[in-house]
Amino acid sequence: SIQESWEDRYVEVIVHWKLAEIGETLWMRPEIVVNQDLGDMELKNTVQERFSWGRLFAVVRIKGGSLSRRLFLILISPLIPFVMLGRIIFKAFRDGRNRKNLLSCLPQLFVITIAFGLGEMAGYTTGHE
């Protein structure tokens, strides 16, 4: 069942993949905006958090996968920050939200996406959180 996928802890991507496995459709609606107030997070804390989430994502993604897929993901990991940043920029311009703030925070966003990418690479490389 889906509920079993978050008994230990809730990891959004696992729940999404389980829903997809049973044929459920996940909808992305630009009209729905979720604001998450994490308080005043310093860049250092955000970088640590993104590294940890990137690593967890990678470990979940490669679970039960082949060695060749794992090696492929390790090799393309350096592209992750650029892909993520490109998606963020595209979404900001497509949806028309946060365009004004985007340029001023690009350096921090780039650092954060690098942290996520390094976390993902670490997860693919080590296979554990």
Protein backbone atom coordinates (compact mmCIF):
# COMPACT_ATOMS: atom_id res chain seq x y z
CA SER A 1 0.00 0.00 0.00
CA ILE A 2 1.00 3.62 -0.40
CA GLN A 3 0.86 4.24 3.35
CA GLU A 4 3.62 1.67 3.91
CA SER A 5 5.94 3.79 1.79
CA TRP A 6 6.03 6.47 4.50
CA GLU A 7 5.80 4.47 7.69
CA ASP A 8 9.44 5.13 8.63
CA ARG A 9 9.46 8.69 7.27
CA TYR A 10 7.80 10.65 4.52
CA VAL A 11 9.92 11.01 1.41
CA GLU A 12 7.83 12.72 -1.24
CA VAL A 13 9.55 11.14 -4.24
CA ILE A 14 8.96 7.61 -2.89
CA VAL A 15 5.26 8.30 -2.44
CA HIS A 16 5.04 9.79 -5.95
CA TRP A 17 6.79 6.80 -7.50
CA LYS A 18 4.52 4.36 -5.60
CA LEU A 19 1.44 6.21 -6.83
CA ALA A 20 2.75 6.08 -10.40
CA GLU A 21 3.43 2.34 -10.03
CA ILE A 22 -0.23 1.67 -9.31
CA GLY A 23 -1.36 3.82 -12.22
CA GLU A 24 -2.30 7.03 -10.40
CA THR A 25 -1.81 10.30 -12.25
CA LEU A 26 0.07 13.09 -10.51
CA TRP A 27 -1.10 16.53 -11.51
CA MET A 28 1.01 19.66 -11.45
CA ARG A 29 -1.15 22.75 -11.32
CA PRO A 30 0.60 26.12 -11.63
CA GLU A 31 -2.40 27.73 -9.91
CA ILE A 32 -1.58 25.89 -6.70
CA VAL A 33 1.20 27.56 -4.76
CA VAL A 34 2.56 26.07 -1.56
CA ASN A 35 4.64 28.33 0.64
CA GLN A 36 6.82 26.58 3.16
CA ASP A 37 8.06 28.75 6.00
CA LEU A 38 11.37 27.33 7.18
CA GLY A 39 12.20 30.43 9.16
CA ASP A 40 15.39 32.33 8.59
CA MET A 41 17.72 29.72 7.18
CA GLU A 42 21.29 30.76 6.64
CA LEU A 43 22.92 29.72 3.39
CA LYS A 44 25.17 27.27 5.26
CA ASN A 45 22.16 25.44 6.72
CA THR A 46 20.35 25.42 3.39
CA VAL A 47 23.42 23.98 1.65
CA GLN A 48 23.65 21.20 4.26
CA GLU A 49 19.94 20.43 3.91
CA ARG A 50 20.05 20.32 0.10
CA PHE A 51 23.13 18.07 0.17
CA SER A 52 21.28 15.65 2.47
CA TRP A 53 18.14 15.67 0.32
CA GLY A 54 20.18 15.14 -2.85
CA ARG A 55 21.93 12.19 -1.29
CA LEU A 56 18.64 10.67 -0.06
CA PHE A 57 17.05 11.17 -3.50
CA ALA A 58 19.95 9.36 -5.17
CA VAL A 59 19.87 6.44 -2.74
CA VAL A 60 16.13 6.00 -3.27
CA ARG A 61 16.53 6.33 -7.04
CA ILE A 62 19.20 3.64 -7.41
CA LYS A 63 17.69 1.15 -4.98
CA GLY A 64 17.48 -2.17 -6.82
CA GLY A 65 18.97 -0.66 -9.98
CA SER A 66 21.79 -1.96 -12.11
CA LEU A 67 25.43 -1.04 -11.72
CA SER A 68 25.52 0.40 -15.25
CA ARG A 69 22.63 2.77 -14.44
CA ARG A 70 24.37 3.81 -11.24
CA LEU A 71 27.62 4.53 -13.10
CA PHE A 72 25.72 6.49 -15.74
CA LEU A 73 24.07 8.62 -13.04
CA ILE A 74 27.44 9.24 -11.37
CA LEU A 75 28.91 10.38 -14.70
CA ILE A 76 26.10 12.84 -15.47
CA SER A 77 25.89 14.17 -11.90
CA PRO A 78 27.99 17.28 -12.70
CA LEU A 79 25.13 18.45 -14.94
CA ILE A 80 22.57 18.42 -12.12
CA PRO A 81 23.11 22.03 -10.91
CA PHE A 82 22.73 23.39 -14.44
CA VAL A 83 19.57 21.37 -15.13
CA MET A 84 18.03 22.37 -11.80
CA LEU A 85 18.89 26.04 -12.20
CA GLY A 86 17.57 26.01 -15.77
CA ARG A 87 14.27 24.54 -14.57
CA ILE A 88 13.98 27.15 -11.81
CA ILE A 89 14.59 30.00 -14.27
CA PHE A 90 12.21 28.54 -16.85
CA LYS A 91 9.45 28.07 -14.27
CA ALA A 92 9.86 31.61 -12.91
CA PHE A 93 9.46 33.10 -16.37
CA ARG A 94 6.71 30.71 -17.46
CA ASP A 95 4.58 31.27 -14.37
CA GLY A 96 5.42 34.96 -14.03
CA ARG A 97 6.12 34.62 -10.32
CA ASN A 98 9.28 35.71 -8.52
CA ARG A 99 10.95 37.08 -11.64
CA LYS A 100 12.00 40.23 -9.80
CA ASN A 101 13.76 38.28 -7.06
CA LEU A 102 15.34 35.73 -9.37
CA LEU A 103 18.35 37.74 -10.53
CA SER A 104 19.28 38.86 -7.04
CA CYS A 105 19.32 35.32 -5.68
CA LEU A 106 20.94 33.50 -8.65
CA PRO A 107 24.34 33.18 -6.94
CA GLN A 108 22.76 31.56 -3.87
CA LEU A 109 20.53 29.35 -6.01
CA PHE A 110 23.56 28.16 -7.91
CA VAL A 111 25.37 27.26 -4.67
CA ILE A 112 22.27 25.42 -3.42
CA THR A 113 21.85 23.44 -6.65
CA ILE A 114 25.55 22.53 -6.55
CA ALA A 115 25.03 21.21 -3.02
CA PHE A 116 22.05 19.11 -4.15
CA GLY A 117 24.05 17.79 -7.11
CA LEU A 118 27.01 16.89 -4.91
CA GLY A 119 24.64 15.14 -2.52
CA GLU A 120 23.15 13.20 -5.41
CA MET A 121 26.60 12.23 -6.65
CA ALA A 122 27.54 11.08 -3.13
CA GLY A 123 24.36 9.02 -2.91
CA TYR A 124 24.96 7.35 -6.29
CA THR A 125 28.60 6.70 -5.38
CA THR A 126 28.16 5.34 -1.86
CA GLY A 127 24.68 3.86 -2.14
CA HIS A 128 23.72 4.99 1.36
CA GLU A 129 22.53 8.14 3.09
